[in-house]
Amino acid sequence: MKRWAVLTVALYIIALLLLTAPVFLVAFAGWAKHSASFTELRDLYSWAGYWIWLGVLGAGQALLLLVPIDSSERRLPARRKIRIPIAVAGFFMALLLCSAILGVACDFYKDNFLPNDNTTIGILLSSSLVATWVMWTMVFRRFARTDKPHLLTLRIVRWLLAGSILEFLVAVPSHIIVRRRDDCCAPYVTFWGIMTGLSVMLMCFGPGVFYLFEERFKRLRPKSKTASGRTV
């Protein structure tokens, strides 16, 4: 089943790679200060931060599959393994929340909602992300006390899917608003919110795809017979 998990992660990364270009071109088409071009798209693909972000998303998808892999192999996941998807889900929920807040701030405060000092910006964003990460991790830990492992995975996926849809509904109107103005940086912030919502939304389908692979594997696996002659 680990091979199916690797295939699921690979399909997820390929989907993100294929969606980057059309989403980028549509998001910045017609913007007065920054009309999207293939040259700028090439610069995006050559930017190290893009590949780091893609690696973070791929790693998050892989870590969310830890519990489904054990469940498919009829093993009870260790408590350590359960904590990992909980922390991953908390991180991406925090990322969705922070992205939505930044998008709304761009609508009301334009480019003036953040300080001019990059160090101060980094500290503010990092502290906000860590604080919300801890909060969401505690929420998912409470679910782990009552849910069975496979039910916990389903609950995490539902919450991430709902959060990504809500964040997407905030980011898209925010991007349309700021793109119509003469803002310099705000459209980049709202575009990042769009990509975050879309990326997490696609991530939620990973466990579902994995379970489809699992069902296919069970049908293809030859049945064995016990000593009594019964087929299992």
C-alpha atoms as a PDB file:
ATOM      1  CA  MET A   1       0.000   0.000   0.000  1.00  0.00           C
ATOM      2  CA  LYS A   2       2.952   2.321   0.421  1.00  0.00           C
ATOM      3  CA  ARG A   3       3.389   2.309  -3.356  1.00  0.00           C
ATOM      4  CA  TRP A   4      -0.175   3.527  -3.769  1.00  0.00           C
ATOM      5  CA  ALA A   5       0.539   6.277  -1.253  1.00  0.00           C
ATOM      6  CA  VAL A   6       3.602   7.354  -3.259  1.00  0.00           C
ATOM      7  CA  LEU A   7       1.491   7.369  -6.425  1.00  0.00           C
ATOM      8  CA  THR A   8      -1.156   9.497  -4.669  1.00  0.00           C
ATOM      9  CA  VAL A   9       1.454  12.062  -3.607  1.00  0.00           C
ATOM     10  CA  ALA A  10       2.955  12.091  -7.113  1.00  0.00           C
ATOM     11  CA  LEU A  11      -0.454  12.716  -8.693  1.00  0.00           C
ATOM     12  CA  TYR A  12      -1.055  15.556  -6.238  1.00  0.00           C
ATOM     13  CA  ILE A  13       2.242  17.270  -7.078  1.00  0.00           C
ATOM     14  CA  ILE A  14       1.649  16.841 -10.817  1.00  0.00           C
ATOM     15  CA  ALA A  15      -1.805  18.403 -10.452  1.00  0.00           C
ATOM     16  CA  LEU A  16      -0.305  21.419  -8.675  1.00  0.00           C
ATOM     17  CA  LEU A  17       2.354  21.807 -11.377  1.00  0.00           C
ATOM     18  CA  LEU A  18      -0.246  21.699 -14.133  1.00  0.00           C
ATOM     19  CA  LEU A  19      -2.574  24.166 -12.395  1.00  0.00           C
ATOM     20  CA  THR A  20       0.112  26.751 -11.575  1.00  0.00           C
ATOM     21  CA  ALA A  21       0.350  28.209 -15.088  1.00  0.00           C
ATOM     22  CA  PRO A  22      -3.382  28.688 -15.857  1.00  0.00           C
ATOM     23  CA  VAL A  23      -4.177  30.023 -12.381  1.00  0.00           C
ATOM     24  CA  PHE A  24      -1.265  32.488 -12.544  1.00  0.00           C
ATOM     25  CA  LEU A  25      -2.173  33.746 -16.016  1.00  0.00           C
ATOM     26  CA  VAL A  26      -5.865  34.138 -15.145  1.00  0.00           C
ATOM     27  CA  ALA A  27      -5.160  35.795 -11.781  1.00  0.00           C
ATOM     28  CA  PHE A  28      -3.020  38.566 -13.267  1.00  0.00           C
ATOM     29  CA  ALA A  29      -4.587  38.960 -16.704  1.00  0.00           C
ATOM     30  CA  GLY A  30      -5.498  42.579 -17.328  1.00  0.00           C
ATOM     31  CA  TRP A  31      -3.918  43.979 -14.170  1.00  0.00           C
ATOM     32  CA  ALA A  32      -2.698  47.489 -14.972  1.00  0.00           C
ATOM     33  CA  LYS A  33       0.654  47.223 -13.194  1.00  0.00           C
ATOM     34  CA  HIS A  34       1.378  43.587 -13.931  1.00  0.00           C
ATOM     35  CA  SER A  35      -0.087  41.947 -17.010  1.00  0.00           C
ATOM     36  CA  ALA A  36       0.809  38.275 -16.771  1.00  0.00           C
ATOM     37  CA  SER A  37       3.228  36.945 -19.357  1.00  0.00           C
ATOM     38  CA  PHE A  38       4.975  33.669 -20.022  1.00  0.00           C
ATOM     39  CA  THR A  39       8.289  35.295 -19.103  1.00  0.00           C
ATOM     40  CA  GLU A  40       7.035  36.025 -15.588  1.00  0.00           C
ATOM     41  CA  LEU A  41       5.556  32.538 -15.410  1.00  0.00           C
ATOM     42  CA  ARG A  42       8.995  31.157 -16.250  1.00  0.00           C
ATOM     43  CA  ASP A  43      10.445  33.273 -13.449  1.00  0.00           C
ATOM     44  CA  LEU A  44       7.888  31.767 -11.074  1.00  0.00           C
ATOM     45  CA  TYR A  45       8.942  28.235 -11.984  1.00  0.00           C
ATOM     46  CA  SER A  46      12.605  29.172 -11.534  1.00  0.00           C
ATOM     47  CA  TRP A  47      11.969  30.721  -8.085  1.00  0.00           C
ATOM     48  CA  ALA A  48      13.313  28.530  -5.277  1.00  0.00           C
ATOM     49  CA  GLY A  49      10.437  29.501  -2.972  1.00  0.00           C
ATOM     50  CA  TYR A  50       7.941  27.935  -5.377  1.00  0.00           C
ATOM     51  CA  TRP A  51       9.650  24.561  -5.226  1.00  0.00           C
ATOM     52  CA  ILE A  52      10.029  24.765  -1.451  1.00  0.00           C
ATOM     53  CA  TRP A  53       6.292  25.447  -1.182  1.00  0.00           C
ATOM     54  CA  LEU A  54       5.590  22.530  -3.516  1.00  0.00           C
ATOM     55  CA  GLY A  55       7.757  20.301  -1.328  1.00  0.00           C
ATOM     56  CA  VAL A  56       5.876  21.405   1.798  1.00  0.00           C
ATOM     57  CA  LEU A  57       2.553  20.540   0.159  1.00  0.00           C
ATOM     58  CA  GLY A  58       3.824  17.169  -1.042  1.00  0.00           C
ATOM     59  CA  ALA A  59       5.175  16.357   2.413  1.00  0.00           C
ATOM     60  CA  GLY A  60       1.858  17.378   3.972  1.00  0.00           C
ATOM     61  CA  GLN A  61      -0.035  15.069   1.626  1.00  0.00           C
ATOM     62  CA  ALA A  62       2.322  12.187   2.466  1.00  0.00           C
ATOM     63  CA  LEU A  63       2.004  12.735   6.212  1.00  0.00           C
ATOM     64  CA  LEU A  64      -1.795  12.820   6.027  1.00  0.00           C
ATOM     65  CA  LEU A  65      -1.665   9.327   4.520  1.00  0.00           C
ATOM     66  CA  LEU A  66       0.151   7.753   7.498  1.00  0.00           C
ATOM     67  CA  VAL A  67      -3.025   6.686   9.284  1.00  0.00           C
ATOM     68  CA  PRO A  68      -4.843   5.452   6.128  1.00  0.00           C
ATOM     69  CA  ILE A  69      -1.825   3.283   5.249  1.00  0.00           C
ATOM     70  CA  ASP A  70      -1.895   1.561   8.641  1.00  0.00           C
ATOM     71  CA  SER A  71      -5.673   1.187   8.480  1.00  0.00           C
ATOM     72  CA  SER A  72      -5.469  -0.424   5.034  1.00  0.00           C
ATOM     73  CA  GLU A  73      -2.923  -2.926   6.380  1.00  0.00           C
ATOM     74  CA  ARG A  74      -5.281  -3.716   9.291  1.00  0.00           C
ATOM     75  CA  ARG A  75      -2.877  -2.321  11.866  1.00  0.00           C
ATOM     76  CA  LEU A  76      -3.710  -0.015  14.749  1.00  0.00           C
ATOM     77  CA  PRO A  77      -1.742   3.218  14.157  1.00  0.00           C
ATOM     78  CA  ALA A  78       0.687   4.156  16.926  1.00  0.00           C
ATOM     79  CA  ARG A  79      -0.060   7.282  18.932  1.00  0.00           C
ATOM     80  CA  ARG A  80       3.052   8.892  17.453  1.00  0.00           C
ATOM     81  CA  LYS A  81       1.727   8.402  13.942  1.00  0.00           C
ATOM     82  CA  ILE A  82      -1.647   9.858  14.887  1.00  0.00           C
ATOM     83  CA  ARG A  83       0.002  13.006  16.249  1.00  0.00           C
ATOM     84  CA  ILE A  84       1.719  13.688  12.922  1.00  0.00           C
ATOM     85  CA  PRO A  85      -1.469  14.090  10.790  1.00  0.00           C
ATOM     86  CA  ILE A  86      -2.963  16.148  13.625  1.00  0.00           C
ATOM     87  CA  ALA A  87      -0.014  18.573  13.550  1.00  0.00           C
ATOM     88  CA  VAL A  88      -0.098  18.689   9.724  1.00  0.00           C
ATOM     89  CA  ALA A  89      -3.830  19.424   9.678  1.00  0.00           C
ATOM     90  CA  GLY A  90      -3.351  22.135  12.308  1.00  0.00           C
ATOM     91  CA  PHE A  91      -0.614  23.740  10.201  1.00  0.00           C
ATOM     92  CA  PHE A  92      -2.684  23.904   7.034  1.00  0.00           C
ATOM     93  CA  MET A  93      -5.789  25.123   8.876  1.00  0.00           C
ATOM     94  CA  ALA A  94      -3.637  27.885  10.385  1.00  0.00           C
ATOM     95  CA  LEU A  95      -2.301  28.700   6.932  1.00  0.00           C
ATOM     96  CA  LEU A  96      -5.828  28.952   5.539  1.00  0.00           C
ATOM     97  CA  LEU A  97      -6.940  31.212   8.375  1.00  0.00           C
ATOM     98  CA  CYS A  98      -3.935  33.525   8.058  1.00  0.00           C
ATOM     99  CA  SER A  99      -4.371  33.700   4.274  1.00  0.00           C
ATOM    100  CA  ALA A 100      -8.016  34.684   4.646  1.00  0.00           C
ATOM    101  CA  ILE A 101      -7.178  37.373   7.210  1.00  0.00           C
ATOM    102  CA  LEU A 102      -4.453  38.801   4.968  1.00  0.00           C
ATOM    103  CA  GLY A 103      -6.840  38.869   2.017  1.00  0.00           C
ATOM    104  CA  VAL A 104      -9.470  40.812   3.967  1.00  0.00           C
ATOM    105  CA  ALA A 105      -6.766  43.184   5.279  1.00  0.00           C
ATOM    106  CA  CYS A 106      -5.715  43.891   1.689  1.00  0.00           C
ATOM    107  CA  ASP A 107      -9.294  44.862   0.853  1.00  0.00           C
ATOM    108  CA  PHE A 108      -9.577  47.446   3.635  1.00  0.00           C
ATOM    109  CA  TYR A 109      -6.028  48.713   4.156  1.00  0.00           C
ATOM    110  CA  LYS A 110      -4.524  48.264   0.656  1.00  0.00           C
ATOM    111  CA  ASP A 111      -0.714  48.139   0.771  1.00  0.00           C
ATOM    112  CA  ASN A 112      -0.533  49.903   4.145  1.00  0.00           C
ATOM    113  CA  PHE A 113      -1.656  47.042   6.363  1.00  0.00           C
ATOM    114  CA  LEU A 114       1.910  45.771   6.884  1.00  0.00           C
ATOM    115  CA  PRO A 115       5.000  47.642   8.176  1.00  0.00           C
ATOM    116  CA  ASN A 116       7.711  48.676   5.737  1.00  0.00           C
ATOM    117  CA  ASP A 117      10.356  46.699   7.619  1.00  0.00           C
ATOM    118  CA  ASN A 118      10.671  43.170   6.197  1.00  0.00           C
ATOM    119  CA  THR A 119      11.998  41.825   9.504  1.00  0.00           C
ATOM    120  CA  THR A 120       8.942  43.093  11.359  1.00  0.00           C
ATOM    121  CA  ILE A 121       6.669  41.621   8.701  1.00  0.00           C
ATOM    122  CA  GLY A 122       8.356  38.244   9.030  1.00  0.00           C
ATOM    123  CA  ILE A 123       8.038  38.266  12.820  1.00  0.00           C
ATOM    124  CA  LEU A 124       4.364  39.234  12.720  1.00  0.00           C
ATOM    125  CA  LEU A 125       3.435  36.653  10.114  1.00  0.00           C
ATOM    126  CA  SER A 126       5.468  33.878  11.754  1.00  0.00           C
ATOM    127  CA  SER A 127       4.071  34.536  15.229  1.00  0.00           C
ATOM    128  CA  SER A 128       0.506  34.650  13.906  1.00  0.00           C
ATOM    129  CA  LEU A 129       0.981  31.407  12.003  1.00  0.00           C
ATOM    130  CA  VAL A 130       2.510  29.618  14.995  1.00  0.00           C
ATOM    131  CA  ALA A 131      -0.223  30.823  17.351  1.00  0.00           C
ATOM    132  CA  THR A 132      -3.039  29.668  15.063  1.00  0.00           C
ATOM    133  CA  TRP A 133      -1.163  26.416  14.371  1.00  0.00           C
ATOM    134  CA  VAL A 134      -1.093  25.615  18.088  1.00  0.00           C
ATOM    135  CA  MET A 135      -4.774  26.487  18.401  1.00  0.00           C
ATOM    136  CA  TRP A 136      -5.898  24.216  15.552  1.00  0.00           C
ATOM    137  CA  THR A 137      -3.617  21.388  16.675  1.00  0.00           C
ATOM    138  CA  MET A 138      -5.304  21.445  20.080  1.00  0.00           C
ATOM    139  CA  VAL A 139      -8.705  21.302  18.358  1.00  0.00           C
ATOM    140  CA  PHE A 140      -7.761  18.224  16.340  1.00  0.00           C
ATOM    141  CA  ARG A 141      -6.191  16.574  19.399  1.00  0.00           C
ATOM    142  CA  ARG A 142      -9.560  16.734  21.117  1.00  0.00           C
ATOM    143  CA  PHE A 143     -11.077  14.883  18.163  1.00  0.00           C
ATOM    144  CA  ALA A 144      -8.362  12.206  18.443  1.00  0.00           C
ATOM    145  CA  ARG A 145      -9.501  11.365  21.979  1.00  0.00           C
ATOM    146  CA  THR A 146     -12.945  10.296  20.835  1.00  0.00           C
ATOM    147  CA  ASP A 147     -12.566   9.256  17.185  1.00  0.00           C
ATOM    148  CA  LYS A 148     -11.164   6.018  15.869  1.00  0.00           C
ATOM    149  CA  PRO A 149      -8.054   6.474  13.683  1.00  0.00           C
ATOM    150  CA  HIS A 150      -9.803   6.132  10.319  1.00  0.00           C
ATOM    151  CA  LEU A 151     -12.676   8.357  11.481  1.00  0.00           C
ATOM    152  CA  LEU A 152     -10.135  10.939  12.641  1.00  0.00           C
ATOM    153  CA  THR A 153      -8.682  11.049   9.130  1.00  0.00           C
ATOM    154  CA  LEU A 154     -12.124  11.594   7.638  1.00  0.00           C
ATOM    155  CA  ARG A 155     -12.868  14.376  10.124  1.00  0.00           C
ATOM    156  CA  ILE A 156      -9.531  16.078   9.377  1.00  0.00           C
ATOM    157  CA  VAL A 157     -10.217  15.895   5.641  1.00  0.00           C
ATOM    158  CA  ARG A 158     -13.707  17.354   6.074  1.00  0.00           C
ATOM    159  CA  TRP A 159     -12.398  20.264   8.136  1.00  0.00           C
ATOM    160  CA  LEU A 160      -9.575  20.988   5.719  1.00  0.00           C
ATOM    161  CA  LEU A 161     -11.935  20.830   2.759  1.00  0.00           C
ATOM    162  CA  ALA A 162     -14.439  23.161   4.403  1.00  0.00           C
ATOM    163  CA  GLY A 163     -11.663  25.552   5.443  1.00  0.00           C
ATOM    164  CA  SER A 164     -10.126  25.599   1.971  1.00  0.00           C
ATOM    165  CA  ILE A 165     -13.484  26.311   0.326  1.00  0.00           C
ATOM    166  CA  LEU A 166     -14.205  29.169   2.733  1.00  0.00           C
ATOM    167  CA  GLU A 167     -10.706  30.583   2.271  1.00  0.00           C
ATOM    168  CA  PHE A 168     -11.066  30.304  -1.507  1.00  0.00           C
ATOM    169  CA  LEU A 169     -14.373  32.183  -1.355  1.00  0.00           C
ATOM    170  CA  VAL A 170     -12.605  34.968   0.561  1.00  0.00           C
ATOM    171  CA  ALA A 171      -9.429  35.066  -1.537  1.00  0.00           C
ATOM    172  CA  VAL A 172     -11.042  35.238  -4.989  1.00  0.00           C
ATOM    173  CA  PRO A 173     -13.259  38.316  -4.326  1.00  0.00           C
ATOM    174  CA  SER A 174     -10.368  39.959  -2.454  1.00  0.00           C
ATOM    175  CA  HIS A 175      -8.079  39.417  -5.423  1.00  0.00           C
ATOM    176  CA  ILE A 176     -10.636  40.887  -7.811  1.00  0.00           C
ATOM    177  CA  ILE A 177     -11.014  43.970  -5.600  1.00  0.00           C
ATOM    178  CA  VAL A 178      -7.310  44.700  -5.146  1.00  0.00           C
ATOM    179  CA  ARG A 179      -6.476  43.982  -8.790  1.00  0.00           C
ATOM    180  CA  ARG A 180      -8.856  46.749  -9.881  1.00  0.00           C
ATOM    181  CA  ARG A 181      -6.900  49.265  -7.794  1.00  0.00           C
ATOM    182  CA  ASP A 182      -3.369  50.636  -8.136  1.00  0.00           C
ATOM    183  CA  ASP A 183      -2.020  48.470  -5.324  1.00  0.00           C
ATOM    184  CA  CYS A 184       1.552  47.305  -5.680  1.00  0.00           C
ATOM    185  CA  CYS A 185       1.796  44.217  -3.442  1.00  0.00           C
ATOM    186  CA  ALA A 186      -1.758  43.388  -2.358  1.00  0.00           C
ATOM    187  CA  PRO A 187      -2.601  41.313  -5.482  1.00  0.00           C
ATOM    188  CA  TYR A 188       0.378  39.054  -4.763  1.00  0.00           C
ATOM    189  CA  VAL A 189      -0.932  38.454  -1.248  1.00  0.00           C
ATOM    190  CA  THR A 190      -4.439  37.590  -2.446  1.00  0.00           C
ATOM    191  CA  PHE A 191      -3.015  35.395  -5.222  1.00  0.00           C
ATOM    192  CA  TRP A 192      -1.082  33.479  -2.588  1.00  0.00           C
ATOM    193  CA  GLY A 193      -4.378  33.039  -0.723  1.00  0.00           C
ATOM    194  CA  ILE A 194      -5.998  31.621  -3.867  1.00  0.00           C
ATOM    195  CA  MET A 195      -3.167  29.162  -4.379  1.00  0.00           C
ATOM    196  CA  THR A 196      -3.252  28.145  -0.713  1.00  0.00           C
ATOM    197  CA  GLY A 197      -6.982  27.445  -0.789  1.00  0.00           C
ATOM    198  CA  LEU A 198      -6.733  25.547  -4.061  1.00  0.00           C
ATOM    199  CA  SER A 199      -3.701  23.524  -2.921  1.00  0.00           C
ATOM    200  CA  VAL A 200      -5.274  22.441   0.374  1.00  0.00           C
ATOM    201  CA  MET A 201      -8.542  21.682  -1.398  1.00  0.00           C
ATOM    202  CA  LEU A 202      -6.744  19.295  -3.753  1.00  0.00           C
ATOM    203  CA  MET A 203      -4.827  17.826  -0.819  1.00  0.00           C
ATOM    204  CA  CYS A 204      -8.096  16.743   0.761  1.00  0.00           C
ATOM    205  CA  PHE A 205      -8.768  14.397  -2.141  1.00  0.00           C
ATOM    206  CA  GLY A 206      -5.518  12.506  -1.463  1.00  0.00           C
ATOM    207  CA  PRO A 207      -6.937  10.095   1.163  1.00  0.00           C
ATOM    208  CA  GLY A 208      -9.968   9.497  -1.052  1.00  0.00           C
ATOM    209  CA  VAL A 209      -7.758   8.642  -4.029  1.00  0.00           C
ATOM    210  CA  PHE A 210      -5.677   6.377  -1.798  1.00  0.00           C
ATOM    211  CA  TYR A 211      -8.762   4.458  -0.687  1.00  0.00           C
ATOM    212  CA  LEU A 212      -9.724   3.986  -4.358  1.00  0.00           C
ATOM    213  CA  PHE A 213      -6.289   2.487  -4.980  1.00  0.00           C
ATOM    214  CA  GLU A 214      -6.773   0.274  -1.942  1.00  0.00           C
ATOM    215  CA  GLU A 215     -10.086  -1.068  -3.232  1.00  0.00           C
ATOM    216  CA  ARG A 216      -8.519  -1.707  -6.618  1.00  0.00           C
ATOM    217  CA  PHE A 217      -5.627  -3.533  -4.967  1.00  0.00           C
ATOM    218  CA  LYS A 218      -7.993  -5.758  -2.997  1.00  0.00           C
ATOM    219  CA  ARG A 219      -9.874  -6.725  -6.154  1.00  0.00           C
ATOM    220  CA  LEU A 220      -6.678  -7.540  -8.037  1.00  0.00           C
ATOM    221  CA  ARG A 221      -5.049  -9.468  -5.195  1.00  0.00           C
ATOM    222  CA  PRO A 222      -5.566 -13.232  -5.590  1.00  0.00           C
ATOM    223  CA  LYS A 223      -7.611 -14.838  -2.847  1.00  0.00           C
ATOM    224  CA  SER A 224      -5.937 -17.424  -0.634  1.00  0.00           C
ATOM    225  CA  LYS A 225      -7.410 -20.515   0.971  1.00  0.00           C
ATOM    226  CA  THR A 226      -7.202 -21.484   4.592  1.00  0.00           C
ATOM    227  CA  ALA A 227      -6.439 -24.970   5.874  1.00  0.00           C
ATOM    228  CA  SER A 228     -10.164 -25.734   6.047  1.00  0.00           C
ATOM    229  CA  GLY A 229     -10.534 -24.925   2.361  1.00  0.00           C
ATOM    230  CA  ARG A 230     -12.351 -21.627   2.836  1.00  0.00           C
ATOM    231  CA  THR A 231     -11.416 -18.705   0.591  1.00  0.00           C
ATOM    232  CA  VAL A 232     -10.231 -15.535   2.339  1.00  0.00           C
END
